[in-house]
Amino acid sequence: MQNFALVIEDDPDLSGIFEKALQAAGFEVETLLDGALAQKRLQEVTPRVIVLDMHLPNVDGSTLLTQIHGNPVFKDTKIIMTTADNVQAEIYRSKVTIAMIKPITFSQLRDISARLKLN
């Protein structure tokens, strides 16, 4: 789907904010709160944008990121990494489209998502 986004974030409050921000940017959004569920879902869909938290239950964000990069179907997928860990953000910055440090506001994610939709 051209304007489909997947939010993979285990904090229900944050995932709700991220979902609304992406919807405001024009995306159809699905939210997953668990890394293992996300791993399965990524075998079924090819999102235009993935918002990926790095600290997830069951399968962590770094594992998902490695699997995403290993699958050519995701070559055009934009990845917005979210983390509260500055060191982790620097480690993975080259493997994502954008690395965002929490706290992330609705307007920040909406504006960035809208720009990614155009690319």
Protein backbone atom coordinates (compact mmCIF):
# COMPACT_ATOMS: atom_id res chain seq x y z
CA MET A 1 0.00 0.00 0.00
CA GLN A 2 1.36 3.34 -1.02
CA ASN A 3 0.37 5.23 2.14
CA PHE A 4 0.43 2.40 4.68
CA ALA A 5 2.45 2.85 7.86
CA LEU A 6 3.25 0.39 10.61
CA VAL A 7 3.85 1.63 14.16
CA ILE A 8 5.82 -0.86 16.26
CA GLU A 9 5.81 0.62 19.78
CA ASP A 10 5.03 -1.14 23.05
CA ASP A 11 3.93 1.94 25.00
CA PRO A 12 0.17 2.26 24.35
CA ASP A 13 0.16 6.03 24.93
CA LEU A 14 3.06 6.65 22.54
CA SER A 15 1.74 4.24 19.93
CA GLY A 16 -1.57 6.11 20.00
CA ILE A 17 0.19 9.46 19.51
CA PHE A 18 2.33 8.02 16.70
CA GLU A 19 -0.74 6.49 15.03
CA LYS A 20 -2.65 9.80 15.11
CA ALA A 21 0.39 11.73 13.83
CA LEU A 22 0.77 9.38 10.87
CA GLN A 23 -2.96 9.54 10.14
CA ALA A 24 -2.74 13.35 10.19
CA ALA A 25 0.07 13.03 7.62
CA GLY A 26 -2.21 10.99 5.35
CA PHE A 27 -1.26 7.41 6.19
CA GLU A 28 -3.39 4.37 6.85
CA VAL A 29 -1.86 3.07 10.08
CA GLU A 30 -1.61 -0.25 11.89
CA THR A 31 -0.12 -0.41 15.38
CA LEU A 32 1.64 -3.37 16.99
CA LEU A 33 2.71 -3.42 20.65
CA ASP A 34 4.99 -6.48 20.51
CA GLY A 35 8.10 -7.34 18.52
CA ALA A 36 7.07 -10.93 17.84
CA LEU A 37 3.72 -9.81 16.43
CA ALA A 38 5.52 -7.23 14.30
CA GLN A 39 7.90 -9.89 13.01
CA LYS A 40 4.94 -11.98 11.82
CA ARG A 41 3.06 -9.01 10.36
CA LEU A 42 6.11 -7.89 8.37
CA GLN A 43 5.88 -11.18 6.49
CA GLU A 44 2.42 -10.12 5.27
CA VAL A 45 2.66 -6.39 4.54
CA THR A 46 5.07 -3.90 2.96
CA PRO A 47 4.59 -0.54 4.65
CA ARG A 48 5.75 2.73 3.13
CA VAL A 49 6.85 3.85 6.63
CA ILE A 50 7.73 1.91 9.77
CA VAL A 51 7.97 3.67 13.13
CA LEU A 52 10.19 1.31 15.10
CA ASP A 53 10.80 1.42 18.84
CA MET A 54 14.07 -0.25 19.76
CA HIS A 55 12.97 -1.61 23.16
CA LEU A 56 10.16 -4.06 22.46
CA PRO A 57 8.94 -7.18 24.23
CA ASN A 58 9.76 -10.62 22.77
CA VAL A 59 11.71 -9.45 19.69
CA ASP A 60 13.70 -6.21 20.02
CA GLY A 61 13.90 -3.40 17.49
CA SER A 62 17.47 -4.14 16.48
CA THR A 63 16.50 -7.70 15.48
CA LEU A 64 13.54 -6.39 13.48
CA LEU A 65 15.78 -3.78 11.84
CA THR A 66 18.24 -6.48 10.74
CA GLN A 67 15.41 -8.57 9.31
CA ILE A 68 13.91 -5.57 7.50
CA HIS A 69 17.28 -4.78 5.91
CA GLY A 70 17.70 -8.43 4.95
CA ASN A 71 14.48 -8.48 2.94
CA PRO A 72 14.55 -6.73 -0.46
CA VAL A 73 10.78 -6.15 -0.36
CA PHE A 74 11.48 -3.34 2.15
CA LYS A 75 14.10 -1.53 0.02
CA ASP A 76 11.82 1.51 -0.41
CA THR A 77 10.37 1.45 3.12
CA LYS A 78 11.29 4.45 5.26
CA ILE A 79 12.20 3.60 8.85
CA ILE A 80 11.74 6.06 11.70
CA MET A 81 13.58 4.69 14.71
CA THR A 82 12.38 5.86 18.11
CA THR A 83 14.44 5.47 21.25
CA ALA A 84 15.14 7.22 24.53
CA ASP A 85 18.76 6.04 24.34
CA ASN A 86 21.10 8.57 22.68
CA VAL A 87 23.89 5.99 22.32
CA GLN A 88 21.58 3.52 20.62
CA ALA A 89 20.36 6.25 18.28
CA GLU A 90 23.93 6.88 17.14
CA ILE A 91 24.66 3.16 16.70
CA TYR A 92 21.68 2.64 14.39
CA ARG A 93 21.42 6.07 12.74
CA SER A 94 23.02 4.87 9.49
CA LYS A 95 20.54 1.97 9.23
CA VAL A 96 17.37 4.08 9.43
CA THR A 97 15.84 6.95 7.51
CA ILE A 98 15.45 9.06 10.65
CA ALA A 99 16.45 8.46 14.26
CA MET A 100 14.23 10.26 16.76
CA ILE A 101 15.02 10.63 20.45
CA LYS A 102 12.09 10.33 22.84
CA PRO A 103 10.15 12.27 23.94
CA ILE A 104 8.70 12.79 20.45
CA THR A 105 5.81 15.15 19.91
CA PHE A 106 2.77 14.61 17.73
CA SER A 107 3.73 17.54 15.49
CA GLN A 108 7.34 16.34 15.04
CA LEU A 109 6.26 12.91 13.84
CA ARG A 110 3.38 14.28 11.74
CA ASP A 111 5.67 16.70 9.91
CA ILE A 112 8.44 14.15 9.32
CA SER A 113 5.91 11.55 8.16
CA ALA A 114 4.33 13.98 5.73
CA ARG A 115 7.74 14.62 4.16
CA LEU A 116 8.44 10.88 3.86
CA LYS A 117 5.10 10.38 2.15
CA LEU A 118 6.25 12.73 -0.61
CA ASN A 119 9.61 10.99 -1.15
